[in-house]
Amino acid sequence: MKIERQQVGTVDVFMVVGALVDEDAEHFSKLLLERVTLPNSRVVVAMREVPFMDSGAIEGLLAATDELADRAANLKLANVPQTCREILELTGVSGRFSFFEDVQDAVRSFL
């Protein structure tokens, strides 16, 4: 798995490549939580290249969402593959995220 972080204006975009499972999911969750705990966090997770994710990745996304919700913000997910979207729907947590077709739309949603 590979994680690349880009700054687009005031928005952090995490570009994830590879399955979010096991140690990779833990590493991703740690990086994401470190970022969202900073003041004025605006975060988009681009998931186009994520074929699958496990419960550890879901827990990381939920922890980040909870942290942001405490400050009236939310986590934006872009380019979520159908398999990952179904995983989020089947686990009953998809309603906790904002989904976007592409990264640019997700970034613009912060304006």
PDB file of N, CA and C in Angstrom:
ATOM      1  N   MET A   1       0.835  -1.170   0.000  1.00  0.00           N
ATOM      2  CA  MET A   1       0.000   0.000   0.000  1.00  0.00           C
ATOM      3  C   MET A   1       0.884   1.239   0.000  1.00  0.00           C
ATOM      4  N   LYS A   2       0.399   2.273  -0.663  1.00  0.00           N
ATOM      5  CA  LYS A   2       1.116   3.537  -0.755  1.00  0.00           C
ATOM      6  C   LYS A   2       0.144   4.659  -0.405  1.00  0.00           C
ATOM      7  N   ILE A   3       0.618   5.620   0.389  1.00  0.00           N
ATOM      8  CA  ILE A   3      -0.195   6.782   0.739  1.00  0.00           C
ATOM      9  C   ILE A   3       0.591   8.025   0.361  1.00  0.00           C
ATOM     10  N   GLU A   4      -0.039   8.856  -0.432  1.00  0.00           N
ATOM     11  CA  GLU A   4       0.573  10.124  -0.817  1.00  0.00           C
ATOM     12  C   GLU A   4      -0.334  11.238  -0.321  1.00  0.00           C
ATOM     13  N   ARG A   5       0.252  12.233   0.327  1.00  0.00           N
ATOM     14  CA  ARG A   5      -0.532  13.354   0.820  1.00  0.00           C
ATOM     15  C   ARG A   5      -0.204  14.583  -0.007  1.00  0.00           C
ATOM     16  N   GLN A   6      -1.266  15.209  -0.528  1.00  0.00           N
ATOM     17  CA  GLN A   6      -1.116  16.436  -1.307  1.00  0.00           C
ATOM     18  C   GLN A   6      -1.862  17.555  -0.613  1.00  0.00           C
ATOM     19  N   GLN A   7      -1.339  18.742  -0.731  1.00  0.00           N
ATOM     20  CA  GLN A   7      -2.027  19.920  -0.216  1.00  0.00           C
ATOM     21  C   GLN A   7      -2.657  20.623  -1.412  1.00  0.00           C
ATOM     22  N   VAL A   8      -3.980  20.766  -1.401  1.00  0.00           N
ATOM     23  CA  VAL A   8      -4.699  21.481  -2.455  1.00  0.00           C
ATOM     24  C   VAL A   8      -5.361  22.671  -1.777  1.00  0.00           C
ATOM     25  N   GLY A   9      -4.704  23.823  -1.864  1.00  0.00           N
ATOM     26  CA  GLY A   9      -5.173  24.986  -1.122  1.00  0.00           C
ATOM     27  C   GLY A   9      -5.055  24.692   0.368  1.00  0.00           C
ATOM     28  N   THR A  10      -6.191  24.749   1.054  1.00  0.00           N
ATOM     29  CA  THR A  10      -6.200  24.471   2.500  1.00  0.00           C
ATOM     30  C   THR A  10      -6.679  23.061   2.818  1.00  0.00           C
ATOM     31  N   VAL A  11      -6.769  22.224   1.792  1.00  0.00           N
ATOM     32  CA  VAL A  11      -7.301  20.866   1.951  1.00  0.00           C
ATOM     33  C   VAL A  11      -6.177  19.839   1.808  1.00  0.00           C
ATOM     34  N   ASP A  12      -6.140  18.882   2.732  1.00  0.00           N
ATOM     35  CA  ASP A  12      -5.218  17.759   2.636  1.00  0.00           C
ATOM     36  C   ASP A  12      -5.913  16.629   1.895  1.00  0.00           C
ATOM     37  N   VAL A  13      -5.265  16.126   0.857  1.00  0.00           N
ATOM     38  CA  VAL A  13      -5.808  15.010   0.091  1.00  0.00           C
ATOM     39  C   VAL A  13      -4.886  13.813   0.281  1.00  0.00           C
ATOM     40  N   PHE A  14      -5.448  12.743   0.838  1.00  0.00           N
ATOM     41  CA  PHE A  14      -4.714  11.489   1.000  1.00  0.00           C
ATOM     42  C   PHE A  14      -5.060  10.599  -0.181  1.00  0.00           C
ATOM     43  N   MET A  15      -4.068  10.320  -1.019  1.00  0.00           N
ATOM     44  CA  MET A  15      -4.234   9.439  -2.170  1.00  0.00           C
ATOM     45  C   MET A  15      -3.746   8.056  -1.741  1.00  0.00           C
ATOM     46  N   VAL A  16      -4.659   7.094  -1.682  1.00  0.00           N
ATOM     47  CA  VAL A  16      -4.322   5.757  -1.196  1.00  0.00           C
ATOM     48  C   VAL A  16      -4.291   4.786  -2.373  1.00  0.00           C
ATOM     49  N   VAL A  17      -3.231   3.990  -2.450  1.00  0.00           N
ATOM     50  CA  VAL A  17      -3.081   2.983  -3.501  1.00  0.00           C
ATOM     51  C   VAL A  17      -2.826   1.641  -2.834  1.00  0.00           C
ATOM     52  N   GLY A  18      -3.724   0.703  -3.062  1.00  0.00           N
ATOM     53  CA  GLY A  18      -3.574  -0.631  -2.488  1.00  0.00           C
ATOM     54  C   GLY A  18      -4.641  -0.924  -1.452  1.00  0.00           C
ATOM     55  N   ALA A  19      -4.735  -2.176  -1.091  1.00  0.00           N
ATOM     56  CA  ALA A  19      -5.738  -2.615  -0.118  1.00  0.00           C
ATOM     57  C   ALA A  19      -5.423  -2.054   1.268  1.00  0.00           C
ATOM     58  N   LEU A  20      -6.469  -1.610   1.947  1.00  0.00           N
ATOM     59  CA  LEU A  20      -6.332  -1.117   3.317  1.00  0.00           C
ATOM     60  C   LEU A  20      -6.668  -2.253   4.272  1.00  0.00           C
ATOM     61  N   VAL A  21      -5.669  -3.084   4.523  1.00  0.00           N
ATOM     62  CA  VAL A  21      -5.850  -4.246   5.397  1.00  0.00           C
ATOM     63  C   VAL A  21      -4.653  -4.382   6.329  1.00  0.00           C
ATOM     64  N   ASP A  22      -4.892  -5.019   7.471  1.00  0.00           N
ATOM     65  CA  ASP A  22      -3.851  -5.366   8.436  1.00  0.00           C
ATOM     66  C   ASP A  22      -2.997  -4.154   8.820  1.00  0.00           C
ATOM     67  N   GLU A  23      -1.678  -4.300   8.745  1.00  0.00           N
ATOM     68  CA  GLU A  23      -0.763  -3.231   9.159  1.00  0.00           C
ATOM     69  C   GLU A  23      -0.919  -1.985   8.306  1.00  0.00           C
ATOM     70  N   ASP A  24      -1.252  -2.161   7.031  1.00  0.00           N
ATOM     71  CA  ASP A  24      -1.452  -1.000   6.160  1.00  0.00           C
ATOM     72  C   ASP A  24      -2.651  -0.174   6.619  1.00  0.00           C
ATOM     73  N   ALA A  25      -3.707  -0.837   7.026  1.00  0.00           N
ATOM     74  CA  ALA A  25      -4.878  -0.131   7.534  1.00  0.00           C
ATOM     75  C   ALA A  25      -4.535   0.615   8.816  1.00  0.00           C
ATOM     76  N   GLU A  26      -3.755  -0.011   9.679  1.00  0.00           N
ATOM     77  CA  GLU A  26      -3.336   0.640  10.924  1.00  0.00           C
ATOM     78  C   GLU A  26      -2.475   1.869  10.632  1.00  0.00           C
ATOM     79  N   HIS A  27      -1.536   1.730   9.711  1.00  0.00           N
ATOM     80  CA  HIS A  27      -0.662   2.842   9.338  1.00  0.00           C
ATOM     81  C   HIS A  27      -1.482   3.996   8.760  1.00  0.00           C
ATOM     82  N   PHE A  28      -2.382   3.682   7.846  1.00  0.00           N
ATOM     83  CA  PHE A  28      -3.254   4.691   7.247  1.00  0.00           C
ATOM     84  C   PHE A  28      -4.084   5.387   8.319  1.00  0.00           C
ATOM     85  N   SER A  29      -4.677   4.613   9.222  1.00  0.00           N
ATOM     86  CA  SER A  29      -5.526   5.172  10.271  1.00  0.00           C
ATOM     87  C   SER A  29      -4.734   6.128  11.158  1.00  0.00           C
ATOM     88  N   LYS A  30      -3.506   5.753  11.473  1.00  0.00           N
ATOM     89  CA  LYS A  30      -2.659   6.599  12.313  1.00  0.00           C
ATOM     90  C   LYS A  30      -2.353   7.921  11.619  1.00  0.00           C
ATOM     91  N   LEU A  31      -1.954   7.863  10.351  1.00  0.00           N
ATOM     92  CA  LEU A  31      -1.657   9.080   9.591  1.00  0.00           C
ATOM     93  C   LEU A  31      -2.882   9.985   9.487  1.00  0.00           C
ATOM     94  N   LEU A  32      -4.016   9.383   9.209  1.00  0.00           N
ATOM     95  CA  LEU A  32      -5.248  10.143   9.052  1.00  0.00           C
ATOM     96  C   LEU A  32      -5.643  10.810  10.371  1.00  0.00           C
ATOM     97  N   LEU A  33      -5.588  10.071  11.453  1.00  0.00           N
ATOM     98  CA  LEU A  33      -5.972  10.626  12.753  1.00  0.00           C
ATOM     99  C   LEU A  33      -5.016  11.741  13.186  1.00  0.00           C
ATOM    100  N   GLU A  34      -3.728  11.576  12.887  1.00  0.00           N
ATOM    101  CA  GLU A  34      -2.773  12.647  13.197  1.00  0.00           C
ATOM    102  C   GLU A  34      -3.161  13.935  12.478  1.00  0.00           C
ATOM    103  N   ARG A  35      -3.593  13.811  11.257  1.00  0.00           N
ATOM    104  CA  ARG A  35      -3.948  15.007  10.477  1.00  0.00           C
ATOM    105  C   ARG A  35      -5.244  15.633  10.946  1.00  0.00           C
ATOM    106  N   VAL A  36      -6.247  14.850  11.203  1.00  0.00           N
ATOM    107  CA  VAL A  36      -7.553  15.427  11.553  1.00  0.00           C
ATOM    108  C   VAL A  36      -7.582  16.019  12.958  1.00  0.00           C
ATOM    109  N   THR A  37      -6.600  15.698  13.784  1.00  0.00           N
ATOM    110  CA  THR A  37      -6.569  16.297  15.117  1.00  0.00           C
ATOM    111  C   THR A  37      -5.959  17.696  15.100  1.00  0.00           C
ATOM    112  N   LEU A  38      -5.388  18.107  13.991  1.00  0.00           N
ATOM    113  CA  LEU A  38      -4.845  19.456  13.872  1.00  0.00           C
ATOM    114  C   LEU A  38      -5.986  20.461  13.690  1.00  0.00           C
ATOM    115  N   PRO A  39      -5.774  21.706  14.121  1.00  0.00           N
ATOM    116  CA  PRO A  39      -6.831  22.717  13.962  1.00  0.00           C
ATOM    117  C   PRO A  39      -7.188  22.944  12.493  1.00  0.00           C
ATOM    118  N   ASN A  40      -8.446  23.262  12.254  1.00  0.00           N
ATOM    119  CA  ASN A  40      -8.946  23.607  10.912  1.00  0.00           C
ATOM    120  C   ASN A  40      -8.662  22.538   9.863  1.00  0.00           C
ATOM    121  N   SER A  41      -8.827  21.295  10.238  1.00  0.00           N
ATOM    122  CA  SER A  41      -8.561  20.194   9.306  1.00  0.00           C
ATOM    123  C   SER A  41      -9.632  20.099   8.237  1.00  0.00           C
ATOM    124  N   ARG A  42      -9.185  19.997   7.023  1.00  0.00           N
ATOM    125  CA  ARG A  42     -10.038  19.740   5.862  1.00  0.00           C
ATOM    126  C   ARG A  42      -9.383  18.589   5.123  1.00  0.00           C
ATOM    127  N   VAL A  43     -10.050  17.429   5.129  1.00  0.00           N
ATOM    128  CA  VAL A  43      -9.406  16.219   4.630  1.00  0.00           C
ATOM    129  C   VAL A  43     -10.292  15.487   3.628  1.00  0.00           C
ATOM    130  N   VAL A  44      -9.659  15.098   2.526  1.00  0.00           N
ATOM    131  CA  VAL A  44     -10.286  14.255   1.510  1.00  0.00           C
ATOM    132  C   VAL A  44      -9.442  12.988   1.394  1.00  0.00           C
ATOM    133  N   VAL A  45     -10.099  11.837   1.362  1.00  0.00           N
ATOM    134  CA  VAL A  45      -9.404  10.578   1.130  1.00  0.00           C
ATOM    135  C   VAL A  45      -9.815  10.091  -0.265  1.00  0.00           C
ATOM    136  N   ALA A  46      -8.839  10.041  -1.166  1.00  0.00           N
ATOM    137  CA  ALA A  46      -9.060   9.563  -2.532  1.00  0.00           C
ATOM    138  C   ALA A  46      -8.815   8.060  -2.561  1.00  0.00           C
ATOM    139  N   MET A  47      -9.845   7.299  -2.937  1.00  0.00           N
ATOM    140  CA  MET A  47      -9.780   5.838  -2.800  1.00  0.00           C
ATOM    141  C   MET A  47      -9.867   5.083  -4.122  1.00  0.00           C
ATOM    142  N   ARG A  48      -9.673   5.758  -5.230  1.00  0.00           N
ATOM    143  CA  ARG A  48      -9.815   5.113  -6.544  1.00  0.00           C
ATOM    144  C   ARG A  48      -9.032   3.812  -6.652  1.00  0.00           C
ATOM    145  N   GLU A  49      -7.838   3.767  -6.061  1.00  0.00           N
ATOM    146  CA  GLU A  49      -6.947   2.608  -6.180  1.00  0.00           C
ATOM    147  C   GLU A  49      -6.996   1.677  -4.966  1.00  0.00           C
ATOM    148  N   VAL A  50      -8.096   1.706  -4.223  1.00  0.00           N
ATOM    149  CA  VAL A  50      -8.254   0.839  -3.046  1.00  0.00           C
ATOM    150  C   VAL A  50      -9.236  -0.274  -3.411  1.00  0.00           C
ATOM    151  N   PRO A  51      -8.748  -1.483  -3.663  1.00  0.00           N
ATOM    152  CA  PRO A  51      -9.640  -2.560  -4.081  1.00  0.00           C
ATOM    153  C   PRO A  51     -10.453  -3.161  -2.937  1.00  0.00           C
ATOM    154  N   PHE A  52      -9.948  -3.016  -1.709  1.00  0.00           N
ATOM    155  CA  PHE A  52     -10.601  -3.656  -0.564  1.00  0.00           C
ATOM    156  C   PHE A  52     -10.129  -2.986   0.717  1.00  0.00           C
ATOM    157  N   MET A  53     -10.976  -3.027   1.743  1.00  0.00           N
ATOM    158  CA  MET A  53     -10.553  -2.544   3.055  1.00  0.00           C
ATOM    159  C   MET A  53     -11.157  -3.425   4.125  1.00  0.00           C
ATOM    160  N   ASP A  54     -10.429  -3.532   5.246  1.00  0.00           N
ATOM    161  CA  ASP A  54     -10.906  -4.380   6.338  1.00  0.00           C
ATOM    162  C   ASP A  54     -11.476  -3.522   7.468  1.00  0.00           C
ATOM    163  N   SER A  55     -11.837  -4.176   8.568  1.00  0.00           N
ATOM    164  CA  SER A  55     -12.457  -3.475   9.686  1.00  0.00           C
ATOM    165  C   SER A  55     -11.517  -2.446  10.312  1.00  0.00           C
ATOM    166  N   GLY A  56     -10.214  -2.693  10.257  1.00  0.00           N
ATOM    167  CA  GLY A  56      -9.259  -1.725  10.783  1.00  0.00           C
ATOM    168  C   GLY A  56      -9.306  -0.413  10.026  1.00  0.00           C
ATOM    169  N   ALA A  57      -9.446  -0.490   8.713  1.00  0.00           N
ATOM    170  CA  ALA A  57      -9.559   0.719   7.895  1.00  0.00           C
ATOM    171  C   ALA A  57     -10.864   1.445   8.192  1.00  0.00           C
ATOM    172  N   ILE A  58     -11.937   0.691   8.338  1.00  0.00           N
ATOM    173  CA  ILE A  58     -13.229   1.306   8.656  1.00  0.00           C
ATOM    174  C   ILE A  58     -13.160   2.004  10.007  1.00  0.00           C
ATOM    175  N   GLU A  59     -12.557   1.350  10.986  1.00  0.00           N
ATOM    176  CA  GLU A  59     -12.411   1.964  12.311  1.00  0.00           C
ATOM    177  C   GLU A  59     -11.590   3.245  12.232  1.00  0.00           C
ATOM    178  N   GLY A  60     -10.548   3.252  11.405  1.00  0.00           N
ATOM    179  CA  GLY A  60      -9.737   4.457  11.230  1.00  0.00           C
ATOM    180  C   GLY A  60     -10.530   5.588  10.607  1.00  0.00           C
ATOM    181  N   LEU A  61     -11.312   5.262   9.574  1.00  0.00           N
ATOM    182  CA  LEU A  61     -12.153   6.282   8.946  1.00  0.00           C
ATOM    183  C   LEU A  61     -13.183   6.822   9.935  1.00  0.00           C
ATOM    184  N   LEU A  62     -13.768   5.936  10.729  1.00  0.00           N
ATOM    185  CA  LEU A  62     -14.756   6.370  11.716  1.00  0.00           C
ATOM    186  C   LEU A  62     -14.121   7.221  12.814  1.00  0.00           C
ATOM    187  N   ALA A  63     -12.929   6.865  13.263  1.00  0.00           N
ATOM    188  CA  ALA A  63     -12.243   7.666  14.284  1.00  0.00           C
ATOM    189  C   ALA A  63     -11.968   9.073  13.760  1.00  0.00           C
ATOM    190  N   ALA A  64     -11.535   9.165  12.505  1.00  0.00           N
ATOM    191  CA  ALA A  64     -11.282  10.471  11.897  1.00  0.00           C
ATOM    192  C   ALA A  64     -12.585  11.262  11.767  1.00  0.00           C
ATOM    193  N   THR A  65     -13.650  10.581  11.369  1.00  0.00           N
ATOM    194  CA  THR A  65     -14.955  11.233  11.238  1.00  0.00           C
ATOM    195  C   THR A  65     -15.435  11.750  12.582  1.00  0.00           C
ATOM    196  N   ASP A  66     -15.289  10.954  13.633  1.00  0.00           N
ATOM    197  CA  ASP A  66     -15.701  11.377  14.971  1.00  0.00           C
ATOM    198  C   ASP A  66     -14.898  12.585  15.436  1.00  0.00           C
ATOM    199  N   GLU A  67     -13.598  12.556  15.194  1.00  0.00           N
ATOM    200  CA  GLU A  67     -12.737  13.677  15.586  1.00  0.00           C
ATOM    201  C   GLU A  67     -13.166  14.957  14.876  1.00  0.00           C
ATOM    202  N   LEU A  68     -13.436  14.862  13.587  1.00  0.00           N
ATOM    203  CA  LEU A  68     -13.862  16.033  12.828  1.00  0.00           C
ATOM    204  C   LEU A  68     -15.257  16.497  13.241  1.00  0.00           C
ATOM    205  N   ALA A  69     -16.140  15.571  13.529  1.00  0.00           N
ATOM    206  CA  ALA A  69     -17.514  15.922  13.918  1.00  0.00           C
ATOM    207  C   ALA A  69     -17.534  16.729  15.207  1.00  0.00           C
ATOM    208  N   ASP A  70     -16.584  16.487  16.076  1.00  0.00           N
ATOM    209  CA  ASP A  70     -16.499  17.264  17.317  1.00  0.00           C
ATOM    210  C   ASP A  70     -16.270  18.745  17.038  1.00  0.00           C
ATOM    211  N   ARG A  71     -15.787  19.046  15.825  1.00  0.00           N
ATOM    212  CA  ARG A  71     -15.528  20.436  15.433  1.00  0.00           C
ATOM    213  C   ARG A  71     -16.402  20.856  14.263  1.00  0.00           C
ATOM    214  N   ALA A  72     -17.539  20.204  14.100  1.00  0.00           N
ATOM    215  CA  ALA A  72     -18.512  20.517  13.041  1.00  0.00           C
ATOM    216  C   ALA A  72     -17.902  20.417  11.643  1.00  0.00           C
ATOM    217  N   ALA A  73     -17.017  19.464  11.447  1.00  0.00           N
ATOM    218  CA  ALA A  73     -16.417  19.215  10.136  1.00  0.00           C
ATOM    219  C   ALA A  73     -16.702  17.766   9.767  1.00  0.00           C
ATOM    220  N   ASN A  74     -16.403  17.387   8.523  1.00  0.00           N
ATOM    221  CA  ASN A  74     -16.572  15.980   8.166  1.00  0.00           C
ATOM    222  C   ASN A  74     -15.518  15.526   7.169  1.00  0.00           C
ATOM    223  N   LEU A  75     -15.353  14.214   7.132  1.00  0.00           N
ATOM    224  CA  LEU A  75     -14.391  13.573   6.257  1.00  0.00           C
ATOM    225  C   LEU A  75     -15.048  13.349   4.900  1.00  0.00           C
ATOM    226  N   LYS A  76     -14.319  13.671   3.846  1.00  0.00           N
ATOM    227  CA  LYS A  76     -14.844  13.508   2.493  1.00  0.00           C
ATOM    228  C   LYS A  76     -14.095  12.369   1.805  1.00  0.00           C
ATOM    229  N   LEU A  77     -14.847  11.467   1.190  1.00  0.00           N
ATOM    230  CA  LEU A  77     -14.269  10.340   0.463  1.00  0.00           C
ATOM    231  C   LEU A  77     -14.519  10.549  -1.027  1.00  0.00           C
ATOM    232  N   ALA A  78     -13.473  10.390  -1.830  1.00  0.00           N
ATOM    233  CA  ALA A  78     -13.592  10.587  -3.273  1.00  0.00           C
ATOM    234  C   ALA A  78     -13.214   9.314  -4.019  1.00  0.00           C
ATOM    235  N   ASN A  79     -13.859   9.120  -5.164  1.00  0.00           N
ATOM    236  CA  ASN A  79     -13.540   7.991  -6.050  1.00  0.00           C
ATOM    237  C   ASN A  79     -13.611   6.646  -5.331  1.00  0.00           C
ATOM    238  N   VAL A  80     -14.609   6.435  -4.528  1.00  0.00           N
ATOM    239  CA  VAL A  80     -14.704   5.192  -3.757  1.00  0.00           C
ATOM    240  C   VAL A  80     -15.159   4.064  -4.676  1.00  0.00           C
ATOM    241  N   PRO A  81     -14.354   3.012  -4.831  1.00  0.00           N
ATOM    242  CA  PRO A  81     -14.745   1.885  -5.674  1.00  0.00           C
ATOM    243  C   PRO A  81     -16.002   1.203  -5.133  1.00  0.00           C
ATOM    244  N   GLN A  82     -16.721   0.558  -6.023  1.00  0.00           N
ATOM    245  CA  GLN A  82     -17.972  -0.094  -5.648  1.00  0.00           C
ATOM    246  C   GLN A  82     -17.796  -1.089  -4.502  1.00  0.00           C
ATOM    247  N   THR A  83     -16.738  -1.863  -4.522  1.00  0.00           N
ATOM    248  CA  THR A  83     -16.515  -2.856  -3.461  1.00  0.00           C
ATOM    249  C   THR A  83     -16.396  -2.173  -2.101  1.00  0.00           C
ATOM    250  N   CYS A  84     -15.605  -1.107  -2.026  1.00  0.00           N
ATOM    251  CA  CYS A  84     -15.428  -0.396  -0.752  1.00  0.00           C
ATOM    252  C   CYS A  84     -16.725   0.291  -0.333  1.00  0.00           C
ATOM    253  N   ARG A  85     -17.438   0.833  -1.290  1.00  0.00           N
ATOM    254  CA  ARG A  85     -18.724   1.483  -0.976  1.00  0.00           C
ATOM    255  C   ARG A  85     -19.692   0.453  -0.392  1.00  0.00           C
ATOM    256  N   GLU A  86     -19.729  -0.737  -0.998  1.00  0.00           N
ATOM    257  CA  GLU A  86     -20.603  -1.803  -0.492  1.00  0.00           C
ATOM    258  C   GLU A  86     -20.195  -2.241   0.910  1.00  0.00           C
ATOM    259  N   ILE A  87     -18.891  -2.292   1.179  1.00  0.00           N
ATOM    260  CA  ILE A  87     -18.421  -2.652   2.515  1.00  0.00           C
ATOM    261  C   ILE A  87     -18.929  -1.629   3.529  1.00  0.00           C
ATOM    262  N   LEU A  88     -18.829  -0.358   3.192  1.00  0.00           N
ATOM    263  CA  LEU A  88     -19.305   0.692   4.098  1.00  0.00           C
ATOM    264  C   LEU A  88     -20.823   0.629   4.273  1.00  0.00           C
ATOM    265  N   GLU A  89     -21.532   0.318   3.204  1.00  0.00           N
ATOM    266  CA  GLU A  89     -22.989   0.204   3.298  1.00  0.00           C
ATOM    267  C   GLU A  89     -23.405  -1.017   4.110  1.00  0.00           C
ATOM    268  N   LEU A  90     -22.763  -2.153   3.868  1.00  0.00           N
ATOM    269  CA  LEU A  90     -23.112  -3.378   4.586  1.00  0.00           C
ATOM    270  C   LEU A  90     -22.812  -3.293   6.084  1.00  0.00           C
ATOM    271  N   THR A  91     -21.800  -2.507   6.440  1.00  0.00           N
ATOM    272  CA  THR A  91     -21.476  -2.347   7.854  1.00  0.00           C
ATOM    273  C   THR A  91     -22.299  -1.239   8.505  1.00  0.00           C
ATOM    274  N   GLY A  92     -23.113  -0.568   7.705  1.00  0.00           N
ATOM    275  CA  GLY A  92     -24.023   0.438   8.239  1.00  0.00           C
ATOM    276  C   GLY A  92     -23.392   1.773   8.580  1.00  0.00           C
ATOM    277  N   VAL A  93     -22.218   2.050   8.031  1.00  0.00           N
ATOM    278  CA  VAL A  93     -21.545   3.302   8.371  1.00  0.00           C
ATOM    279  C   VAL A  93     -21.441   4.287   7.201  1.00  0.00           C
ATOM    280  N   SER A  94     -21.947   3.945   6.048  1.00  0.00           N
ATOM    281  CA  SER A  94     -21.792   4.810   4.875  1.00  0.00           C
ATOM    282  C   SER A  94     -22.407   6.191   5.081  1.00  0.00           C
ATOM    283  N   GLY A  95     -23.443   6.283   5.889  1.00  0.00           N
ATOM    284  CA  GLY A  95     -24.098   7.560   6.139  1.00  0.00           C
ATOM    285  C   GLY A  95     -23.254   8.537   6.935  1.00  0.00           C
ATOM    286  N   ARG A  96     -22.153   8.087   7.463  1.00  0.00           N
ATOM    287  CA  ARG A  96     -21.281   8.956   8.265  1.00  0.00           C
ATOM    288  C   ARG A  96     -20.252   9.694   7.418  1.00  0.00           C
ATOM    289  N   PHE A  97     -20.246   9.426   6.116  1.00  0.00           N
ATOM    290  CA  PHE A  97     -19.260  10.032   5.235  1.00  0.00           C
ATOM    291  C   PHE A  97     -19.938  10.809   4.121  1.00  0.00           C
ATOM    292  N   SER A  98     -19.196  11.752   3.554  1.00  0.00           N
ATOM    293  CA  SER A  98     -19.623  12.460   2.353  1.00  0.00           C
ATOM    294  C   SER A  98     -18.856  11.852   1.183  1.00  0.00           C
ATOM    295  N   PHE A  99     -19.585  11.409   0.154  1.00  0.00           N
ATOM    296  CA  PHE A  99     -18.976  10.760  -1.008  1.00  0.00           C
ATOM    297  C   PHE A  99     -18.976  11.708  -2.201  1.00  0.00           C
ATOM    298  N   PHE A 100     -17.886  11.681  -2.955  1.00  0.00           N
ATOM    299  CA  PHE A 100     -17.750  12.508  -4.148  1.00  0.00           C
ATOM    300  C   PHE A 100     -17.179  11.671  -5.278  1.00  0.00           C
ATOM    301  N   GLU A 101     -17.586  11.997  -6.502  1.00  0.00           N
ATOM    302  CA  GLU A 101     -17.126  11.259  -7.674  1.00  0.00           C
ATOM    303  C   GLU A 101     -15.653  11.512  -7.969  1.00  0.00           C
ATOM    304  N   ASP A 102     -15.176  12.727  -7.690  1.00  0.00           N
ATOM    305  CA  ASP A 102     -13.759  12.997  -7.923  1.00  0.00           C
ATOM    306  C   ASP A 102     -13.202  13.922  -6.847  1.00  0.00           C
ATOM    307  N   VAL A 103     -11.894  13.983  -6.797  1.00  0.00           N
ATOM    308  CA  VAL A 103     -11.192  14.746  -5.762  1.00  0.00           C
ATOM    309  C   VAL A 103     -11.506  16.231  -5.873  1.00  0.00           C
ATOM    310  N   GLN A 104     -11.571  16.754  -7.091  1.00  0.00           N
ATOM    311  CA  GLN A 104     -11.824  18.175  -7.274  1.00  0.00           C
ATOM    312  C   GLN A 104     -13.171  18.586  -6.676  1.00  0.00           C
ATOM    313  N   ASP A 105     -14.202  17.773  -6.885  1.00  0.00           N
ATOM    314  CA  ASP A 105     -15.510  18.081  -6.293  1.00  0.00           C
ATOM    315  C   ASP A 105     -15.451  18.055  -4.770  1.00  0.00           C
ATOM    316  N   ALA A 106     -14.725  17.092  -4.225  1.00  0.00           N
ATOM    317  CA  ALA A 106     -14.589  16.997  -2.769  1.00  0.00           C
ATOM    318  C   ALA A 106     -13.863  18.212  -2.211  1.00  0.00           C
ATOM    319  N   VAL A 107     -12.794  18.627  -2.876  1.00  0.00           N
ATOM    320  CA  VAL A 107     -12.042  19.808  -2.435  1.00  0.00           C
ATOM    321  C   VAL A 107     -12.928  21.043  -2.527  1.00  0.00           C
ATOM    322  N   ARG A 108     -13.642  21.202  -3.628  1.00  0.00           N
ATOM    323  CA  ARG A 108     -14.516  22.378  -3.810  1.00  0.00           C
ATOM    324  C   ARG A 108     -15.625  22.425  -2.769  1.00  0.00           C
ATOM    325  N   SER A 109     -16.028  21.291  -2.254  1.00  0.00           N
ATOM    326  CA  SER A 109     -17.123  21.267  -1.278  1.00  0.00           C
ATOM    327  C   SER A 109     -16.749  21.987   0.019  1.00  0.00           C
ATOM    328  N   PHE A 110     -15.459  22.232   0.238  1.00  0.00           N
ATOM    329  CA  PHE A 110     -15.036  22.964   1.434  1.00  0.00           C
ATOM    330  C   PHE A 110     -15.200  24.467   1.284  1.00  0.00           C
ATOM    331  N   LEU A 111     -15.456  24.940   0.067  1.00  0.00           N
ATOM    332  CA  LEU A 111     -15.587  26.394  -0.170  1.00  0.00           C
ATOM    333  C   LEU A 111     -16.930  26.908   0.276  1.00  0.00           C
TER     334      LEU A 111
END
